Amino acid sequence: MMNWKEIWVSLFRGCEWLGLNIGFWVSMAVVIGIVILMNVVFWGMKPQTQKKEK
């Protein structure tokens, strides 16, 4: 069975960066990615024109 922590430690020699767990940084990167994606979608939308009634 794969243990992701052991693989990470063998590759990068630690499970912390700037005193915080790598899981925190991974989750922060996911949140930032979602926020950027939402902004791209929002700013890429064209505004709807309102129909004027006479």
C-alpha atoms as a PDB file:
ATOM      1  CA  MET A   1       0.000   0.000   0.000  1.00  0.00           C
ATOM      2  CA  MET A   2       1.305   3.466  -0.873  1.00  0.00           C
ATOM      3  CA  ASN A   3       1.986   5.876   1.940  1.00  0.00           C
ATOM      4  CA  TRP A   4       2.002   9.392   0.492  1.00  0.00           C
ATOM      5  CA  LYS A   5       3.830  10.844   3.499  1.00  0.00           C
ATOM      6  CA  GLU A   6       6.737   8.402   3.104  1.00  0.00           C
ATOM      7  CA  ILE A   7       6.969   9.117  -0.626  1.00  0.00           C
ATOM      8  CA  TRP A   8       6.945  12.878   0.048  1.00  0.00           C
ATOM      9  CA  VAL A   9       9.603  12.592   2.763  1.00  0.00           C
ATOM     10  CA  SER A  10      11.840  10.461   0.542  1.00  0.00           C
ATOM     11  CA  LEU A  11      11.566  13.010  -2.287  1.00  0.00           C
ATOM     12  CA  PHE A  12      11.703  16.314  -0.388  1.00  0.00           C
ATOM     13  CA  ARG A  13      13.253  15.393   2.991  1.00  0.00           C
ATOM     14  CA  GLY A  14      10.409  16.756   5.120  1.00  0.00           C
ATOM     15  CA  CYS A  15       6.694  17.200   5.669  1.00  0.00           C
ATOM     16  CA  GLU A  16       6.726  20.819   6.773  1.00  0.00           C
ATOM     17  CA  TRP A  17       7.453  24.119   5.059  1.00  0.00           C
ATOM     18  CA  LEU A  18       7.644  27.437   6.913  1.00  0.00           C
ATOM     19  CA  GLY A  19       6.539  25.603  10.057  1.00  0.00           C
ATOM     20  CA  LEU A  20       3.248  24.400   8.559  1.00  0.00           C
ATOM     21  CA  ASN A  21       2.236  20.931   7.419  1.00  0.00           C
ATOM     22  CA  ILE A  22       2.349  20.204   3.687  1.00  0.00           C
ATOM     23  CA  GLY A  23      -1.355  19.273   3.828  1.00  0.00           C
ATOM     24  CA  PHE A  24      -2.113  22.875   4.721  1.00  0.00           C
ATOM     25  CA  TRP A  25      -0.172  24.155   1.716  1.00  0.00           C
ATOM     26  CA  VAL A  26      -1.820  21.640  -0.630  1.00  0.00           C
ATOM     27  CA  SER A  27      -5.288  22.630   0.561  1.00  0.00           C
ATOM     28  CA  MET A  28      -4.368  26.324   0.273  1.00  0.00           C
ATOM     29  CA  ALA A  29      -3.200  25.751  -3.313  1.00  0.00           C
ATOM     30  CA  VAL A  30      -6.493  23.996  -4.133  1.00  0.00           C
ATOM     31  CA  VAL A  31      -8.512  26.904  -2.707  1.00  0.00           C
ATOM     32  CA  ILE A  32      -6.427  29.469  -4.619  1.00  0.00           C
ATOM     33  CA  GLY A  33      -6.874  27.434  -7.809  1.00  0.00           C
ATOM     34  CA  ILE A  34     -10.661  27.386  -7.343  1.00  0.00           C
ATOM     35  CA  VAL A  35     -10.721  31.142  -6.690  1.00  0.00           C
ATOM     36  CA  ILE A  36      -8.655  31.851  -9.814  1.00  0.00           C
ATOM     37  CA  LEU A  37     -10.896  29.568 -11.900  1.00  0.00           C
ATOM     38  CA  MET A  38     -14.038  31.302 -10.595  1.00  0.00           C
ATOM     39  CA  ASN A  39     -12.556  34.713 -11.433  1.00  0.00           C
ATOM     40  CA  VAL A  40     -11.633  33.613 -14.955  1.00  0.00           C
ATOM     41  CA  VAL A  41     -15.158  32.310 -15.531  1.00  0.00           C
ATOM     42  CA  PHE A  42     -16.785  35.414 -14.025  1.00  0.00           C
ATOM     43  CA  TRP A  43     -14.669  37.962 -15.907  1.00  0.00           C
ATOM     44  CA  GLY A  44     -15.005  35.963 -19.131  1.00  0.00           C
ATOM     45  CA  MET A  45     -18.801  36.234 -19.114  1.00  0.00           C
ATOM     46  CA  LYS A  46     -20.384  38.868 -21.341  1.00  0.00           C
ATOM     47  CA  PRO A  47     -22.976  41.097 -19.682  1.00  0.00           C
ATOM     48  CA  GLN A  48     -26.571  40.451 -20.615  1.00  0.00           C
ATOM     49  CA  THR A  49     -28.426  43.260 -22.359  1.00  0.00           C
ATOM     50  CA  GLN A  50     -31.749  44.261 -20.891  1.00  0.00           C
ATOM     51  CA  LYS A  51     -34.753  44.463 -23.194  1.00  0.00           C
ATOM     52  CA  LYS A  52     -36.469  47.820 -23.025  1.00  0.00           C
ATOM     53  CA  GLU A  53     -40.271  47.842 -22.973  1.00  0.00           C
ATOM     54  CA  LYS A  54     -42.146  50.690 -24.682  1.00  0.00           C
END
